[in-house]
Amino acid sequence: MFNSRRYPFQPKRDGLGVLADVPYLPLILTYQNRSVEVMGLLDTGASVNVLPYNVGVQLGAIWEEQRFSVVDEL
C-alpha cells in the first residue's frame, strides 16, 4: 500500500477574479546549498513543471546560464 497524505484545497483567485479551490503542496526546494520553502500546485495531470523566476532568483540561479529543452514525445 502507498503512503498517502491529504492536502487541503485552498481558495485562490485567478487573473480574472474567479475563485476556485486548488490543492497546494508545501515544498522545500534546494539548489547549490540554498533552500526556499514554497507552496506548489498539486497537478497530477501536468506534463510540464514550471519554476517561477523569483523562486529561482531566491535559490541563486542565474537564469541566463540555465539550459533546458522541451520535447514533445507524442
PDB file of N, CA and C in Angstrom:
ATOM      1  N   MET A   1       0.853  -1.182   0.000  1.00  0.00           N
ATOM      2  CA  MET A   1       0.000   0.000   0.000  1.00  0.00           C
ATOM      3  C   MET A   1       0.889   1.232   0.000  1.00  0.00           C
ATOM      4  N   PHE A   2       0.450   2.249  -0.723  1.00  0.00           N
ATOM      5  CA  PHE A   2       1.175   3.507  -0.781  1.00  0.00           C
ATOM      6  C   PHE A   2       0.991   4.290   0.515  1.00  0.00           C
ATOM      7  N   ASN A   3       1.992   5.075   0.868  1.00  0.00           N
ATOM      8  CA  ASN A   3       1.832   6.017   1.968  1.00  0.00           C
ATOM      9  C   ASN A   3       1.117   7.231   1.407  1.00  0.00           C
ATOM     10  N   SER A   4      -0.064   7.493   1.889  1.00  0.00           N
ATOM     11  CA  SER A   4      -0.835   8.602   1.333  1.00  0.00           C
ATOM     12  C   SER A   4      -0.942   9.737   2.342  1.00  0.00           C
ATOM     13  N   ARG A   5      -1.119  10.933   1.811  1.00  0.00           N
ATOM     14  CA  ARG A   5      -1.322  12.121   2.624  1.00  0.00           C
ATOM     15  C   ARG A   5      -2.435  12.937   1.990  1.00  0.00           C
ATOM     16  N   ARG A   6      -3.099  13.689   2.795  1.00  0.00           N
ATOM     17  CA  ARG A   6      -4.144  14.584   2.301  1.00  0.00           C
ATOM     18  C   ARG A   6      -3.640  16.019   2.395  1.00  0.00           C
ATOM     19  N   TYR A   7      -3.898  16.781   1.340  1.00  0.00           N
ATOM     20  CA  TYR A   7      -3.540  18.190   1.323  1.00  0.00           C
ATOM     21  C   TYR A   7      -4.810  18.986   1.096  1.00  0.00           C
ATOM     22  N   PRO A   8      -5.009  20.020   1.905  1.00  0.00           N
ATOM     23  CA  PRO A   8      -6.257  20.782   1.801  1.00  0.00           C
ATOM     24  C   PRO A   8      -6.318  21.618   0.534  1.00  0.00           C
ATOM     25  N   PHE A   9      -7.515  21.778   0.031  1.00  0.00           N
ATOM     26  CA  PHE A   9      -7.749  22.693  -1.076  1.00  0.00           C
ATOM     27  C   PHE A   9      -7.866  24.088  -0.474  1.00  0.00           C
ATOM     28  N   GLN A  10      -7.232  25.065  -1.122  1.00  0.00           N
ATOM     29  CA  GLN A  10      -7.249  26.428  -0.626  1.00  0.00           C
ATOM     30  C   GLN A  10      -7.882  27.345  -1.662  1.00  0.00           C
ATOM     31  N   PRO A  11      -8.679  28.306  -1.210  1.00  0.00           N
ATOM     32  CA  PRO A  11      -9.314  29.218  -2.172  1.00  0.00           C
ATOM     33  C   PRO A  11      -8.288  30.172  -2.768  1.00  0.00           C
ATOM     34  N   LYS A  12      -8.286  30.295  -4.094  1.00  0.00           N
ATOM     35  CA  LYS A  12      -7.394  31.209  -4.806  1.00  0.00           C
ATOM     36  C   LYS A  12      -8.185  31.879  -5.918  1.00  0.00           C
ATOM     37  N   ARG A  13      -7.824  33.119  -6.212  1.00  0.00           N
ATOM     38  CA  ARG A  13      -8.458  33.846  -7.325  1.00  0.00           C
ATOM     39  C   ARG A  13      -7.495  33.876  -8.501  1.00  0.00           C
ATOM     40  N   ASP A  14      -8.037  33.656  -9.695  1.00  0.00           N
ATOM     41  CA  ASP A  14      -7.200  33.731 -10.893  1.00  0.00           C
ATOM     42  C   ASP A  14      -7.116  35.179 -11.369  1.00  0.00           C
ATOM     43  N   GLY A  15      -6.476  35.398 -12.498  1.00  0.00           N
ATOM     44  CA  GLY A  15      -6.280  36.740 -13.031  1.00  0.00           C
ATOM     45  C   GLY A  15      -7.568  37.482 -13.343  1.00  0.00           C
ATOM     46  N   LEU A  16      -8.668  36.741 -13.541  1.00  0.00           N
ATOM     47  CA  LEU A  16      -9.959  37.351 -13.832  1.00  0.00           C
ATOM     48  C   LEU A  16     -10.816  37.538 -12.586  1.00  0.00           C
ATOM     49  N   GLY A  17     -10.267  37.121 -11.427  1.00  0.00           N
ATOM     50  CA  GLY A  17     -11.012  37.256 -10.180  1.00  0.00           C
ATOM     51  C   GLY A  17     -11.906  36.081  -9.862  1.00  0.00           C
ATOM     52  N   VAL A  18     -11.834  35.020 -10.668  1.00  0.00           N
ATOM     53  CA  VAL A  18     -12.666  33.843 -10.436  1.00  0.00           C
ATOM     54  C   VAL A  18     -12.070  33.040  -9.282  1.00  0.00           C
ATOM     55  N   LEU A  19     -12.899  32.705  -8.320  1.00  0.00           N
ATOM     56  CA  LEU A  19     -12.465  31.968  -7.145  1.00  0.00           C
ATOM     57  C   LEU A  19     -12.563  30.471  -7.397  1.00  0.00           C
ATOM     58  N   ALA A  20     -11.510  29.747  -7.055  1.00  0.00           N
ATOM     59  CA  ALA A  20     -11.509  28.290  -7.193  1.00  0.00           C
ATOM     60  C   ALA A  20     -10.723  27.693  -6.036  1.00  0.00           C
ATOM     61  N   ASP A  21     -11.087  26.498  -5.644  1.00  0.00           N
ATOM     62  CA  ASP A  21     -10.330  25.782  -4.625  1.00  0.00           C
ATOM     63  C   ASP A  21      -9.283  24.927  -5.317  1.00  0.00           C
ATOM     64  N   VAL A  22      -8.015  25.088  -4.922  1.00  0.00           N
ATOM     65  CA  VAL A  22      -6.917  24.369  -5.564  1.00  0.00           C
ATOM     66  C   VAL A  22      -6.056  23.684  -4.505  1.00  0.00           C
ATOM     67  N   PRO A  23      -5.487  22.509  -4.845  1.00  0.00           N
ATOM     68  CA  PRO A  23      -4.644  21.799  -3.884  1.00  0.00           C
ATOM     69  C   PRO A  23      -3.201  22.292  -3.948  1.00  0.00           C
ATOM     70  N   TYR A  24      -2.686  22.763  -2.831  1.00  0.00           N
ATOM     71  CA  TYR A  24      -1.304  23.206  -2.752  1.00  0.00           C
ATOM     72  C   TYR A  24      -0.512  22.264  -1.857  1.00  0.00           C
ATOM     73  N   LEU A  25       0.735  22.069  -2.222  1.00  0.00           N
ATOM     74  CA  LEU A  25       1.629  21.147  -1.549  1.00  0.00           C
ATOM     75  C   LEU A  25       2.825  21.924  -1.011  1.00  0.00           C
ATOM     76  N   PRO A  26       3.113  21.839   0.304  1.00  0.00           N
ATOM     77  CA  PRO A  26       4.288  22.539   0.823  1.00  0.00           C
ATOM     78  C   PRO A  26       5.572  21.840   0.356  1.00  0.00           C
ATOM     79  N   LEU A  27       6.522  22.627  -0.157  1.00  0.00           N
ATOM     80  CA  LEU A  27       7.769  22.076  -0.690  1.00  0.00           C
ATOM     81  C   LEU A  27       8.966  22.836  -0.148  1.00  0.00           C
ATOM     82  N   ILE A  28      10.095  22.155  -0.047  1.00  0.00           N
ATOM     83  CA  ILE A  28      11.376  22.790   0.212  1.00  0.00           C
ATOM     84  C   ILE A  28      12.238  22.503  -1.006  1.00  0.00           C
ATOM     85  N   LEU A  29      12.600  23.561  -1.750  1.00  0.00           N
ATOM     86  CA  LEU A  29      13.429  23.424  -2.943  1.00  0.00           C
ATOM     87  C   LEU A  29      14.862  23.782  -2.582  1.00  0.00           C
ATOM     88  N   THR A  30      15.814  23.005  -3.074  1.00  0.00           N
ATOM     89  CA  THR A  30      17.225  23.238  -2.782  1.00  0.00           C
ATOM     90  C   THR A  30      18.015  23.270  -4.075  1.00  0.00           C
ATOM     91  N   TYR A  31      18.919  24.262  -4.174  1.00  0.00           N
ATOM     92  CA  TYR A  31      19.798  24.404  -5.329  1.00  0.00           C
ATOM     93  C   TYR A  31      21.100  25.019  -4.843  1.00  0.00           C
ATOM     94  N   GLN A  32      22.203  24.341  -5.063  1.00  0.00           N
ATOM     95  CA  GLN A  32      23.527  24.819  -4.689  1.00  0.00           C
ATOM     96  C   GLN A  32      23.573  25.350  -3.254  1.00  0.00           C
ATOM     97  N   ASN A  33      23.194  24.524  -2.310  1.00  0.00           N
ATOM     98  CA  ASN A  33      23.256  24.828  -0.871  1.00  0.00           C
ATOM     99  C   ASN A  33      22.314  25.937  -0.407  1.00  0.00           C
ATOM    100  N   ARG A  34      21.350  26.341  -1.211  1.00  0.00           N
ATOM    101  CA  ARG A  34      20.316  27.291  -0.791  1.00  0.00           C
ATOM    102  C   ARG A  34      18.979  26.577  -0.823  1.00  0.00           C
ATOM    103  N   SER A  35      18.138  26.899   0.147  1.00  0.00           N
ATOM    104  CA  SER A  35      16.808  26.297   0.199  1.00  0.00           C
ATOM    105  C   SER A  35      15.747  27.380   0.330  1.00  0.00           C
ATOM    106  N   VAL A  36      14.588  27.099  -0.244  1.00  0.00           N
ATOM    107  CA  VAL A  36      13.445  28.008  -0.183  1.00  0.00           C
ATOM    108  C   VAL A  36      12.204  27.175   0.086  1.00  0.00           C
ATOM    109  N   GLU A  37      11.393  27.621   1.038  1.00  0.00           N
ATOM    110  CA  GLU A  37      10.105  26.968   1.296  1.00  0.00           C
ATOM    111  C   GLU A  37       9.044  27.641   0.441  1.00  0.00           C
ATOM    112  N   VAL A  38       8.313  26.853  -0.325  1.00  0.00           N
ATOM    113  CA  VAL A  38       7.282  27.380  -1.223  1.00  0.00           C
ATOM    114  C   VAL A  38       6.048  26.483  -1.158  1.00  0.00           C
ATOM    115  N   MET A  39       4.972  26.972  -1.742  1.00  0.00           N
ATOM    116  CA  MET A  39       3.771  26.166  -1.912  1.00  0.00           C
ATOM    117  C   MET A  39       3.634  25.889  -3.403  1.00  0.00           C
ATOM    118  N   GLY A  40       3.513  24.620  -3.770  1.00  0.00           N
ATOM    119  CA  GLY A  40       3.390  24.234  -5.163  1.00  0.00           C
ATOM    120  C   GLY A  40       2.002  23.704  -5.451  1.00  0.00           C
ATOM    121  N   LEU A  41       1.508  23.994  -6.640  1.00  0.00           N
ATOM    122  CA  LEU A  41       0.210  23.484  -7.065  1.00  0.00           C
ATOM    123  C   LEU A  41       0.328  22.000  -7.361  1.00  0.00           C
ATOM    124  N   LEU A  42      -0.500  21.206  -6.751  1.00  0.00           N
ATOM    125  CA  LEU A  42      -0.520  19.762  -6.977  1.00  0.00           C
ATOM    126  C   LEU A  42      -1.391  19.485  -8.194  1.00  0.00           C
ATOM    127  N   ASP A  43      -0.753  19.181  -9.320  1.00  0.00           N
ATOM    128  CA  ASP A  43      -1.465  18.950 -10.576  1.00  0.00           C
ATOM    129  C   ASP A  43      -1.050  17.586 -11.107  1.00  0.00           C
ATOM    130  N   THR A  44      -1.834  16.576 -10.823  1.00  0.00           N
ATOM    131  CA  THR A  44      -1.468  15.210 -11.199  1.00  0.00           C
ATOM    132  C   THR A  44      -1.569  14.955 -12.693  1.00  0.00           C
ATOM    133  N   GLY A  45      -2.163  15.883 -13.448  1.00  0.00           N
ATOM    134  CA  GLY A  45      -2.276  15.704 -14.891  1.00  0.00           C
ATOM    135  C   GLY A  45      -1.249  16.503 -15.677  1.00  0.00           C
ATOM    136  N   ALA A  46      -0.358  17.202 -14.981  1.00  0.00           N
ATOM    137  CA  ALA A  46       0.607  18.063 -15.672  1.00  0.00           C
ATOM    138  C   ALA A  46       1.716  17.240 -16.309  1.00  0.00           C
ATOM    139  N   SER A  47       2.160  17.680 -17.479  1.00  0.00           N
ATOM    140  CA  SER A  47       3.294  17.028 -18.132  1.00  0.00           C
ATOM    141  C   SER A  47       4.532  17.918 -18.111  1.00  0.00           C
ATOM    142  N   VAL A  48       4.378  19.159 -17.624  1.00  0.00           N
ATOM    143  CA  VAL A  48       5.492  20.103 -17.528  1.00  0.00           C
ATOM    144  C   VAL A  48       5.421  20.781 -16.166  1.00  0.00           C
ATOM    145  N   ASN A  49       6.574  20.977 -15.542  1.00  0.00           N
ATOM    146  CA  ASN A  49       6.658  21.725 -14.292  1.00  0.00           C
ATOM    147  C   ASN A  49       7.353  23.047 -14.568  1.00  0.00           C
ATOM    148  N   VAL A  50       6.900  24.100 -13.903  1.00  0.00           N
ATOM    149  CA  VAL A  50       7.462  25.429 -14.125  1.00  0.00           C
ATOM    150  C   VAL A  50       7.916  26.004 -12.789  1.00  0.00           C
ATOM    151  N   LEU A  51       9.147  26.492 -12.765  1.00  0.00           N
ATOM    152  CA  LEU A  51       9.680  27.157 -11.579  1.00  0.00           C
ATOM    153  C   LEU A  51       9.562  28.660 -11.790  1.00  0.00           C
ATOM    154  N   PRO A  52       8.833  29.363 -10.920  1.00  0.00           N
ATOM    155  CA  PRO A  52       8.721  30.813 -11.081  1.00  0.00           C
ATOM    156  C   PRO A  52      10.095  31.488 -11.025  1.00  0.00           C
ATOM    157  N   TYR A  53      10.255  32.520 -11.824  1.00  0.00           N
ATOM    158  CA  TYR A  53      11.528  33.237 -11.929  1.00  0.00           C
ATOM    159  C   TYR A  53      12.029  33.680 -10.555  1.00  0.00           C
ATOM    160  N   ASN A  54      11.139  34.294  -9.752  1.00  0.00           N
ATOM    161  CA  ASN A  54      11.576  34.826  -8.461  1.00  0.00           C
ATOM    162  C   ASN A  54      12.034  33.732  -7.497  1.00  0.00           C
ATOM    163  N   VAL A  55      11.492  32.528  -7.604  1.00  0.00           N
ATOM    164  CA  VAL A  55      11.956  31.421  -6.764  1.00  0.00           C
ATOM    165  C   VAL A  55      13.358  31.008  -7.185  1.00  0.00           C
ATOM    166  N   GLY A  56      13.613  30.960  -8.479  1.00  0.00           N
ATOM    167  CA  GLY A  56      14.955  30.660  -8.964  1.00  0.00           C
ATOM    168  C   GLY A  56      15.973  31.676  -8.485  1.00  0.00           C
ATOM    169  N   VAL A  57      15.584  32.953  -8.495  1.00  0.00           N
ATOM    170  CA  VAL A  57      16.471  34.019  -8.019  1.00  0.00           C
ATOM    171  C   VAL A  57      16.772  33.819  -6.526  1.00  0.00           C
ATOM    172  N   GLN A  58      15.750  33.495  -5.733  1.00  0.00           N
ATOM    173  CA  GLN A  58      15.959  33.253  -4.305  1.00  0.00           C
ATOM    174  C   GLN A  58      16.918  32.085  -4.072  1.00  0.00           C
ATOM    175  N   LEU A  59      16.891  31.112  -4.968  1.00  0.00           N
ATOM    176  CA  LEU A  59      17.776  29.951  -4.851  1.00  0.00           C
ATOM    177  C   LEU A  59      19.185  30.243  -5.375  1.00  0.00           C
ATOM    178  N   GLY A  60      19.372  31.394  -6.008  1.00  0.00           N
ATOM    179  CA  GLY A  60      20.685  31.750  -6.515  1.00  0.00           C
ATOM    180  C   GLY A  60      20.934  31.315  -7.949  1.00  0.00           C
ATOM    181  N   ALA A  61      19.903  30.911  -8.649  1.00  0.00           N
ATOM    182  CA  ALA A  61      20.064  30.502 -10.049  1.00  0.00           C
ATOM    183  C   ALA A  61      20.321  31.722 -10.922  1.00  0.00           C
ATOM    184  N   ILE A  62      21.205  31.579 -11.859  1.00  0.00           N
ATOM    185  CA  ILE A  62      21.445  32.616 -12.860  1.00  0.00           C
ATOM    186  C   ILE A  62      20.755  32.119 -14.120  1.00  0.00           C
ATOM    187  N   TRP A  63      19.592  32.689 -14.397  1.00  0.00           N
ATOM    188  CA  TRP A  63      18.732  32.154 -15.446  1.00  0.00           C
ATOM    189  C   TRP A  63      19.405  32.103 -16.810  1.00  0.00           C
ATOM    190  N   GLU A  64      20.255  33.079 -17.098  1.00  0.00           N
ATOM    191  CA  GLU A  64      20.907  33.107 -18.402  1.00  0.00           C
ATOM    192  C   GLU A  64      21.869  31.936 -18.585  1.00  0.00           C
ATOM    193  N   GLU A  65      22.291  31.301 -17.504  1.00  0.00           N
ATOM    194  CA  GLU A  65      23.207  30.163 -17.585  1.00  0.00           C
ATOM    195  C   GLU A  65      22.486  28.818 -17.579  1.00  0.00           C
ATOM    196  N   GLN A  66      21.169  28.831 -17.396  1.00  0.00           N
ATOM    197  CA  GLN A  66      20.408  27.581 -17.341  1.00  0.00           C
ATOM    198  C   GLN A  66      20.124  27.095 -18.760  1.00  0.00           C
ATOM    199  N   ARG A  67      20.240  25.824 -18.978  1.00  0.00           N
ATOM    200  CA  ARG A  67      19.952  25.228 -20.286  1.00  0.00           C
ATOM    201  C   ARG A  67      18.834  24.225 -20.125  1.00  0.00           C
ATOM    202  N   PHE A  68      17.894  24.280 -21.023  1.00  0.00           N
ATOM    203  CA  PHE A  68      16.770  23.352 -20.969  1.00  0.00           C
ATOM    204  C   PHE A  68      16.233  23.144 -22.362  1.00  0.00           C
ATOM    205  N   SER A  69      15.441  22.109 -22.496  1.00  0.00           N
ATOM    206  CA  SER A  69      14.740  21.890 -23.744  1.00  0.00           C
ATOM    207  C   SER A  69      13.402  21.241 -23.431  1.00  0.00           C
ATOM    208  N   VAL A  70      12.443  21.545 -24.250  1.00  0.00           N
ATOM    209  CA  VAL A  70      11.110  20.948 -24.108  1.00  0.00           C
ATOM    210  C   VAL A  70      10.922  20.041 -25.312  1.00  0.00           C
ATOM    211  N   VAL A  71      10.646  18.781 -25.050  1.00  0.00           N
ATOM    212  CA  VAL A  71      10.489  17.801 -26.115  1.00  0.00           C
ATOM    213  C   VAL A  71       9.073  17.261 -26.082  1.00  0.00           C
ATOM    214  N   ASP A  72       8.417  17.299 -27.193  1.00  0.00           N
ATOM    215  CA  ASP A  72       7.074  16.736 -27.313  1.00  0.00           C
ATOM    216  C   ASP A  72       7.216  15.323 -27.878  1.00  0.00           C
ATOM    217  N   GLU A  73       6.918  14.335 -27.044  1.00  0.00           N
ATOM    218  CA  GLU A  73       7.113  12.938 -27.464  1.00  0.00           C
ATOM    219  C   GLU A  73       5.817  12.267 -27.882  1.00  0.00           C
ATOM    220  N   LEU A  74       4.803  13.048 -28.216  1.00  0.00           N
ATOM    221  CA  LEU A  74       3.522  12.451 -28.607  1.00  0.00           C
ATOM    222  C   LEU A  74       3.555  11.926 -30.005  1.00  0.00           C
TER     223      LEU A  74
END
